[in-house]
PDB file of all heavy atoms in Angstrom:
ATOM      1  N   GLU A   1      -6.421 -12.518   5.569  1.00  0.00           N
ATOM      2  CA  GLU A   1      -6.053 -12.413   6.967  1.00  0.00           C
ATOM      3  C   GLU A   1      -4.543 -12.381   7.203  1.00  0.00           C
ATOM      4  O   GLU A   1      -4.087 -12.089   8.307  1.00  0.00           O
ATOM      5  CB  GLU A   1      -6.648 -13.588   7.769  1.00  0.00           C
ATOM      6  CG  GLU A   1      -5.985 -14.942   7.530  1.00  0.00           C
ATOM      7  CD  GLU A   1      -6.441 -15.636   6.261  1.00  0.00           C
ATOM      8  OE1 GLU A   1      -7.313 -15.064   5.584  1.00  0.00           O
ATOM      9  OE2 GLU A   1      -5.951 -16.729   5.956  1.00  0.00           O
ATOM     10  N   LEU A   2      -3.730 -12.676   6.167  1.00  0.00           N
ATOM     11  CA  LEU A   2      -2.279 -12.674   6.345  1.00  0.00           C
ATOM     12  C   LEU A   2      -1.738 -11.252   6.231  1.00  0.00           C
ATOM     13  O   LEU A   2      -2.248 -10.433   5.468  1.00  0.00           O
ATOM     14  CB  LEU A   2      -1.610 -13.571   5.308  1.00  0.00           C
ATOM     15  CG  LEU A   2      -1.799 -15.076   5.477  1.00  0.00           C
ATOM     16  CD1 LEU A   2      -0.983 -15.821   4.439  1.00  0.00           C
ATOM     17  CD2 LEU A   2      -1.421 -15.539   6.869  1.00  0.00           C
ATOM     18  N   SER A   3      -0.690 -10.979   6.991  1.00  0.00           N
ATOM     19  CA  SER A   3      -0.095  -9.644   6.955  1.00  0.00           C
ATOM     20  C   SER A   3       0.611  -9.428   5.619  1.00  0.00           C
ATOM     21  O   SER A   3       1.120 -10.369   5.000  1.00  0.00           O
ATOM     22  CB  SER A   3       0.900  -9.475   8.097  1.00  0.00           C
ATOM     23  OG  SER A   3       2.017 -10.321   7.907  1.00  0.00           O
ATOM     24  N   PHE A   4       0.654  -8.165   5.189  1.00  0.00           N
ATOM     25  CA  PHE A   4       1.330  -7.832   3.944  1.00  0.00           C
ATOM     26  C   PHE A   4       2.820  -8.188   4.023  1.00  0.00           C
ATOM     27  O   PHE A   4       3.409  -8.622   3.035  1.00  0.00           O
ATOM     28  CB  PHE A   4       1.168  -6.338   3.635  1.00  0.00           C
ATOM     29  CG  PHE A   4      -0.233  -5.958   3.238  1.00  0.00           C
ATOM     30  CD1 PHE A   4      -0.972  -5.083   4.015  1.00  0.00           C
ATOM     31  CD2 PHE A   4      -0.817  -6.480   2.097  1.00  0.00           C
ATOM     32  CE1 PHE A   4      -2.265  -4.723   3.660  1.00  0.00           C
ATOM     33  CE2 PHE A   4      -2.113  -6.133   1.727  1.00  0.00           C
ATOM     34  CZ  PHE A   4      -2.844  -5.252   2.517  1.00  0.00           C
ATOM     35  N   SER A   5       3.417  -8.012   5.189  1.00  0.00           N
ATOM     36  CA  SER A   5       4.848  -8.325   5.317  1.00  0.00           C
ATOM     37  C   SER A   5       5.101  -9.806   5.099  1.00  0.00           C
ATOM     38  O   SER A   5       6.087 -10.189   4.470  1.00  0.00           O
ATOM     39  CB  SER A   5       5.370  -7.902   6.693  1.00  0.00           C
ATOM     40  OG  SER A   5       4.669  -8.576   7.729  1.00  0.00           O
ATOM     41  N   SER A   6       4.195 -10.667   5.591  1.00  0.00           N
ATOM     42  CA  SER A   6       4.380 -12.106   5.390  1.00  0.00           C
ATOM     43  C   SER A   6       4.136 -12.499   3.934  1.00  0.00           C
ATOM     44  O   SER A   6       4.589 -13.556   3.493  1.00  0.00           O
ATOM     45  CB  SER A   6       3.445 -12.895   6.306  1.00  0.00           C
ATOM     46  OG  SER A   6       2.087 -12.694   5.947  1.00  0.00           O
ATOM     47  N   LEU A   7       3.422 -11.644   3.178  1.00  0.00           N
ATOM     48  CA  LEU A   7       3.191 -11.916   1.759  1.00  0.00           C
ATOM     49  C   LEU A   7       4.348 -11.453   0.882  1.00  0.00           C
ATOM     50  O   LEU A   7       4.369 -11.729  -0.312  1.00  0.00           O
ATOM     51  CB  LEU A   7       1.912 -11.225   1.297  1.00  0.00           C
ATOM     52  CG  LEU A   7       0.599 -11.746   1.906  1.00  0.00           C
ATOM     53  CD1 LEU A   7      -0.565 -10.854   1.496  1.00  0.00           C
ATOM     54  CD2 LEU A   7       0.343 -13.182   1.484  1.00  0.00           C
ATOM     55  N   GLY A   8       5.308 -10.746   1.479  1.00  0.00           N
ATOM     56  CA  GLY A   8       6.482 -10.314   0.727  1.00  0.00           C
ATOM     57  C   GLY A   8       6.568  -8.826   0.471  1.00  0.00           C
ATOM     58  O   GLY A   8       7.433  -8.381  -0.289  1.00  0.00           O
ATOM     59  N   PHE A   9       5.691  -8.028   1.083  1.00  0.00           N
ATOM     60  CA  PHE A   9       5.745  -6.588   0.868  1.00  0.00           C
ATOM     61  C   PHE A   9       6.954  -5.981   1.563  1.00  0.00           C
ATOM     62  O   PHE A   9       7.313  -6.371   2.674  1.00  0.00           O
ATOM     63  CB  PHE A   9       4.471  -5.918   1.403  1.00  0.00           C
ATOM     64  CG  PHE A   9       3.358  -5.851   0.398  1.00  0.00           C
ATOM     65  CD1 PHE A   9       2.582  -6.965   0.138  1.00  0.00           C
ATOM     66  CD2 PHE A   9       3.097  -4.674  -0.285  1.00  0.00           C
ATOM     67  CE1 PHE A   9       1.561  -6.911  -0.785  1.00  0.00           C
ATOM     68  CE2 PHE A   9       2.073  -4.602  -1.218  1.00  0.00           C
ATOM     69  CZ  PHE A   9       1.307  -5.724  -1.473  1.00  0.00           C
ATOM     70  N   ASP A  10       7.574  -5.027   0.887  1.00  0.00           N
ATOM     71  CA  ASP A  10       8.634  -4.232   1.496  1.00  0.00           C
ATOM     72  C   ASP A  10       8.235  -2.758   1.367  1.00  0.00           C
ATOM     73  O   ASP A  10       7.096  -2.434   1.024  1.00  0.00           O
ATOM     74  CB  ASP A  10       9.995  -4.513   0.852  1.00  0.00           C
ATOM     75  CG  ASP A  10       9.991  -4.255  -0.660  1.00  0.00           C
ATOM     76  OD1 ASP A  10       9.067  -3.568  -1.154  1.00  0.00           O
ATOM     77  OD2 ASP A  10      10.911  -4.729  -1.348  1.00  0.00           O
ATOM     78  N   SER A  11       9.179  -1.868   1.641  1.00  0.00           N
ATOM     79  CA  SER A  11       8.842  -0.442   1.645  1.00  0.00           C
ATOM     80  C   SER A  11       8.343   0.026   0.286  1.00  0.00           C
ATOM     81  O   SER A  11       7.354   0.770   0.190  1.00  0.00           O
ATOM     82  CB  SER A  11      10.074   0.371   2.063  1.00  0.00           C
ATOM     83  OG  SER A  11      10.463   0.031   3.371  1.00  0.00           O
ATOM     84  N   LEU A  12       9.015  -0.394  -0.780  1.00  0.00           N
ATOM     85  CA  LEU A  12       8.635   0.091  -2.104  1.00  0.00           C
ATOM     86  C   LEU A  12       7.284  -0.449  -2.535  1.00  0.00           C
ATOM     87  O   LEU A  12       6.429   0.291  -3.032  1.00  0.00           O
ATOM     88  CB  LEU A  12       9.693  -0.290  -3.136  1.00  0.00           C
ATOM     89  CG  LEU A  12       9.335   0.194  -4.544  1.00  0.00           C
ATOM     90  CD1 LEU A  12       9.541   1.684  -4.679  1.00  0.00           C
ATOM     91  CD2 LEU A  12      10.114  -0.542  -5.604  1.00  0.00           C
ATOM     92  N   THR A  13       7.064  -1.749  -2.342  1.00  0.00           N
ATOM     93  CA  THR A  13       5.786  -2.320  -2.761  1.00  0.00           C
ATOM     94  C   THR A  13       4.648  -1.777  -1.907  1.00  0.00           C
ATOM     95  O   THR A  13       3.508  -1.664  -2.371  1.00  0.00           O
ATOM     96  CB  THR A  13       5.828  -3.856  -2.684  1.00  0.00           C
ATOM     97  OG1 THR A  13       6.417  -4.257  -1.431  1.00  0.00           O
ATOM     98  CG2 THR A  13       6.653  -4.429  -3.817  1.00  0.00           C
ATOM     99  N   ALA A  14       4.942  -1.409  -0.659  1.00  0.00           N
ATOM    100  CA  ALA A  14       3.919  -0.789   0.182  1.00  0.00           C
ATOM    101  C   ALA A  14       3.494   0.558  -0.396  1.00  0.00           C
ATOM    102  O   ALA A  14       2.299   0.886  -0.442  1.00  0.00           O
ATOM    103  CB  ALA A  14       4.448  -0.619   1.608  1.00  0.00           C
ATOM    104  N   VAL A  15       4.472   1.347  -0.838  1.00  0.00           N
ATOM    105  CA  VAL A  15       4.151   2.641  -1.445  1.00  0.00           C
ATOM    106  C   VAL A  15       3.431   2.441  -2.775  1.00  0.00           C
ATOM    107  O   VAL A  15       2.511   3.183  -3.117  1.00  0.00           O
ATOM    108  CB  VAL A  15       5.433   3.471  -1.635  1.00  0.00           C
ATOM    109  CG1 VAL A  15       5.157   4.738  -2.435  1.00  0.00           C
ATOM    110  CG2 VAL A  15       6.025   3.841  -0.277  1.00  0.00           C
ATOM    111  N   ASP A  16       3.844   1.417  -3.524  1.00  0.00           N
ATOM    112  CA  ASP A  16       3.198   1.127  -4.806  1.00  0.00           C
ATOM    113  C   ASP A  16       1.715   0.820  -4.594  1.00  0.00           C
ATOM    114  O   ASP A  16       0.838   1.344  -5.310  1.00  0.00           O
ATOM    115  CB  ASP A  16       3.908  -0.059  -5.469  1.00  0.00           C
ATOM    116  CG  ASP A  16       3.506  -0.241  -6.927  1.00  0.00           C
ATOM    117  OD1 ASP A  16       2.521   0.382  -7.360  1.00  0.00           O
ATOM    118  OD2 ASP A  16       4.182  -1.022  -7.634  1.00  0.00           O
ATOM    119  N   LEU A  17       1.404  -0.016  -3.602  1.00  0.00           N
ATOM    120  CA  LEU A  17       0.004  -0.340  -3.324  1.00  0.00           C
ATOM    121  C   LEU A  17      -0.744   0.900  -2.857  1.00  0.00           C
ATOM    122  O   LEU A  17      -1.899   1.130  -3.251  1.00  0.00           O
ATOM    123  CB  LEU A  17      -0.080  -1.441  -2.266  1.00  0.00           C
ATOM    124  CG  LEU A  17      -1.493  -1.858  -1.843  1.00  0.00           C
ATOM    125  CD1 LEU A  17      -2.318  -2.298  -3.041  1.00  0.00           C
ATOM    126  CD2 LEU A  17      -1.437  -2.962  -0.787  1.00  0.00           C
ATOM    127  N   ARG A  18      -0.108   1.717  -2.027  1.00  0.00           N
ATOM    128  CA  ARG A  18      -0.739   2.962  -1.591  1.00  0.00           C
ATOM    129  C   ARG A  18      -1.114   3.836  -2.788  1.00  0.00           C
ATOM    130  O   ARG A  18      -2.217   4.387  -2.862  1.00  0.00           O
ATOM    131  CB  ARG A  18       0.219   3.710  -0.662  1.00  0.00           C
ATOM    132  CG  ARG A  18      -0.304   4.996   0.007  1.00  0.00           C
ATOM    133  CD  ARG A  18      -0.346   6.218  -0.908  1.00  0.00           C
ATOM    134  NE  ARG A  18       0.913   6.508  -1.563  1.00  0.00           N
ATOM    135  CZ  ARG A  18       1.825   7.352  -1.105  1.00  0.00           C
ATOM    136  NH1 ARG A  18       1.618   7.988   0.032  1.00  0.00           N
ATOM    137  NH2 ARG A  18       2.934   7.588  -1.803  1.00  0.00           N
ATOM    138  N   ASP A  19      -0.185   3.958  -3.745  1.00  0.00           N
ATOM    139  CA  ASP A  19      -0.440   4.787  -4.920  1.00  0.00           C
ATOM    140  C   ASP A  19      -1.620   4.259  -5.733  1.00  0.00           C
ATOM    141  O   ASP A  19      -2.460   5.027  -6.217  1.00  0.00           O
ATOM    142  CB  ASP A  19       0.807   4.856  -5.794  1.00  0.00           C
ATOM    143  CG  ASP A  19       1.939   5.630  -5.131  1.00  0.00           C
ATOM    144  OD1 ASP A  19       1.676   6.323  -4.130  1.00  0.00           O
ATOM    145  OD2 ASP A  19       3.086   5.544  -5.620  1.00  0.00           O
ATOM    146  N   ARG A  20      -1.686   2.937  -5.874  1.00  0.00           N
ATOM    147  CA  ARG A  20      -2.786   2.343  -6.643  1.00  0.00           C
ATOM    148  C   ARG A  20      -4.133   2.599  -5.964  1.00  0.00           C
ATOM    149  O   ARG A  20      -5.133   2.924  -6.627  1.00  0.00           O
ATOM    150  CB  ARG A  20      -2.563   0.835  -6.809  1.00  0.00           C
ATOM    151  CG  ARG A  20      -1.391   0.477  -7.721  1.00  0.00           C
ATOM    152  CD  ARG A  20      -1.075  -1.012  -7.636  1.00  0.00           C
ATOM    153  NE  ARG A  20       0.086  -1.367  -8.442  1.00  0.00           N
ATOM    154  CZ  ARG A  20       0.037  -1.849  -9.676  1.00  0.00           C
ATOM    155  NH1 ARG A  20      -1.140  -2.032 -10.257  1.00  0.00           N
ATOM    156  NH2 ARG A  20       1.145  -2.151 -10.335  1.00  0.00           N
ATOM    157  N   LEU A  21      -4.165   2.446  -4.655  1.00  0.00           N
ATOM    158  CA  LEU A  21      -5.421   2.644  -3.936  1.00  0.00           C
ATOM    159  C   LEU A  21      -5.817   4.119  -3.900  1.00  0.00           C
ATOM    160  O   LEU A  21      -7.003   4.456  -3.948  1.00  0.00           O
ATOM    161  CB  LEU A  21      -5.299   2.090  -2.514  1.00  0.00           C
ATOM    162  CG  LEU A  21      -5.128   0.568  -2.429  1.00  0.00           C
ATOM    163  CD1 LEU A  21      -4.889   0.134  -0.985  1.00  0.00           C
ATOM    164  CD2 LEU A  21      -6.347  -0.150  -3.001  1.00  0.00           C
ATOM    165  N   ALA A  22      -4.812   4.996  -3.805  1.00  0.00           N
ATOM    166  CA  ALA A  22      -5.105   6.434  -3.837  1.00  0.00           C
ATOM    167  C   ALA A  22      -5.714   6.819  -5.177  1.00  0.00           C
ATOM    168  O   ALA A  22      -6.669   7.607  -5.247  1.00  0.00           O
ATOM    169  CB  ALA A  22      -3.831   7.230  -3.567  1.00  0.00           C
ATOM    170  N   ALA A  23      -5.177   6.257  -6.254  1.00  0.00           N
ATOM    171  CA  ALA A  23      -5.715   6.555  -7.576  1.00  0.00           C
ATOM    172  C   ALA A  23      -7.119   5.977  -7.757  1.00  0.00           C
ATOM    173  O   ALA A  23      -7.976   6.586  -8.402  1.00  0.00           O
ATOM    174  CB  ALA A  23      -4.780   5.991  -8.646  1.00  0.00           C
ATOM    175  N   ALA A  24      -7.370   4.827  -7.151  1.00  0.00           N
ATOM    176  CA  ALA A  24      -8.671   4.171  -7.320  1.00  0.00           C
ATOM    177  C   ALA A  24      -9.763   4.821  -6.493  1.00  0.00           C
ATOM    178  O   ALA A  24     -10.938   4.810  -6.881  1.00  0.00           O
ATOM    179  CB  ALA A  24      -8.555   2.695  -6.952  1.00  0.00           C
ATOM    180  N   THR A  25      -9.397   5.404  -5.344  1.00  0.00           N
ATOM    181  CA  THR A  25     -10.411   5.965  -4.444  1.00  0.00           C
ATOM    182  C   THR A  25     -10.465   7.480  -4.463  1.00  0.00           C
ATOM    183  O   THR A  25     -11.442   8.069  -3.992  1.00  0.00           O
ATOM    184  CB  THR A  25     -10.134   5.525  -2.995  1.00  0.00           C
ATOM    185  OG1 THR A  25      -8.835   6.009  -2.600  1.00  0.00           O
ATOM    186  CG2 THR A  25     -10.170   4.007  -2.872  1.00  0.00           C
ATOM    187  N   GLY A  26      -9.404   8.135  -4.972  1.00  0.00           N
ATOM    188  CA  GLY A  26      -9.349   9.582  -4.927  1.00  0.00           C
ATOM    189  C   GLY A  26      -8.985  10.131  -3.558  1.00  0.00           C
ATOM    190  O   GLY A  26      -9.072  11.331  -3.319  1.00  0.00           O
ATOM    191  N   LEU A  27      -8.540   9.240  -2.657  1.00  0.00           N
ATOM    192  CA  LEU A  27      -8.176   9.671  -1.311  1.00  0.00           C
ATOM    193  C   LEU A  27      -6.693  10.009  -1.237  1.00  0.00           C
ATOM    194  O   LEU A  27      -5.876   9.449  -1.971  1.00  0.00           O
ATOM    195  CB  LEU A  27      -8.472   8.561  -0.299  1.00  0.00           C
ATOM    196  CG  LEU A  27      -9.938   8.164  -0.116  1.00  0.00           C
ATOM    197  CD1 LEU A  27     -10.049   6.913   0.737  1.00  0.00           C
ATOM    198  CD2 LEU A  27     -10.713   9.307   0.531  1.00  0.00           C
ATOM    199  N   SER A  28      -6.344  10.911  -0.335  1.00  0.00           N
ATOM    200  CA  SER A  28      -4.939  11.182  -0.041  1.00  0.00           C
ATOM    201  C   SER A  28      -4.534  10.241   1.080  1.00  0.00           C
ATOM    202  O   SER A  28      -5.004  10.363   2.218  1.00  0.00           O
ATOM    203  CB  SER A  28      -4.764  12.645   0.404  1.00  0.00           C
ATOM    204  OG  SER A  28      -3.411  12.901   0.724  1.00  0.00           O
ATOM    205  N   LEU A  29      -3.689   9.280   0.769  1.00  0.00           N
ATOM    206  CA  LEU A  29      -3.358   8.214   1.707  1.00  0.00           C
ATOM    207  C   LEU A  29      -1.908   8.315   2.166  1.00  0.00           C
ATOM    208  O   LEU A  29      -1.027   8.676   1.390  1.00  0.00           O
ATOM    209  CB  LEU A  29      -3.600   6.847   1.051  1.00  0.00           C
ATOM    210  CG  LEU A  29      -5.032   6.592   0.571  1.00  0.00           C
ATOM    211  CD1 LEU A  29      -5.106   5.298  -0.217  1.00  0.00           C
ATOM    212  CD2 LEU A  29      -6.000   6.561   1.752  1.00  0.00           C
ATOM    213  N   SER A  30      -1.669   7.946   3.394  1.00  0.00           N
ATOM    214  CA  SER A  30      -0.340   8.020   3.987  1.00  0.00           C
ATOM    215  C   SER A  30       0.597   6.997   3.364  1.00  0.00           C
ATOM    216  O   SER A  30       0.175   5.903   2.953  1.00  0.00           O
ATOM    217  CB  SER A  30      -0.435   7.781   5.495  1.00  0.00           C
ATOM    218  OG  SER A  30       0.834   7.547   6.056  1.00  0.00           O
ATOM    219  N   ALA A  31       1.889   7.347   3.314  1.00  0.00           N
ATOM    220  CA  ALA A  31       2.887   6.403   2.808  1.00  0.00           C
ATOM    221  C   ALA A  31       3.023   5.195   3.723  1.00  0.00           C
ATOM    222  O   ALA A  31       3.508   4.144   3.309  1.00  0.00           O
ATOM    223  CB  ALA A  31       4.243   7.100   2.668  1.00  0.00           C
ATOM    224  N   THR A  32       2.567   5.326   4.982  1.00  0.00           N
ATOM    225  CA  THR A  32       2.654   4.203   5.931  1.00  0.00           C
ATOM    226  C   THR A  32       1.366   3.385   5.961  1.00  0.00           C
ATOM    227  O   THR A  32       1.164   2.570   6.864  1.00  0.00           O
ATOM    228  CB  THR A  32       2.947   4.738   7.346  1.00  0.00           C
ATOM    229  OG1 THR A  32       1.866   5.587   7.763  1.00  0.00           O
ATOM    230  CG2 THR A  32       4.248   5.529   7.383  1.00  0.00           C
ATOM    231  N   LEU A  33       0.511   3.568   4.980  1.00  0.00           N
ATOM    232  CA  LEU A  33      -0.809   2.939   4.959  1.00  0.00           C
ATOM    233  C   LEU A  33      -0.735   1.435   5.194  1.00  0.00           C
ATOM    234  O   LEU A  33      -1.455   0.881   6.031  1.00  0.00           O
ATOM    235  CB  LEU A  33      -1.478   3.223   3.606  1.00  0.00           C
ATOM    236  CG  LEU A  33      -2.869   2.623   3.394  1.00  0.00           C
ATOM    237  CD1 LEU A  33      -3.908   3.412   4.174  1.00  0.00           C
ATOM    238  CD2 LEU A  33      -3.221   2.613   1.901  1.00  0.00           C
TER     239      LEU A  33
END
């Protein structure tokens, strides 16, 4: 339930997580995901 920003995410780690989820699901996901 905690926001990613409060967990310490910044722009780069946000894109890193997007890339991991895109690879895991095969979806084309936005950089602002």
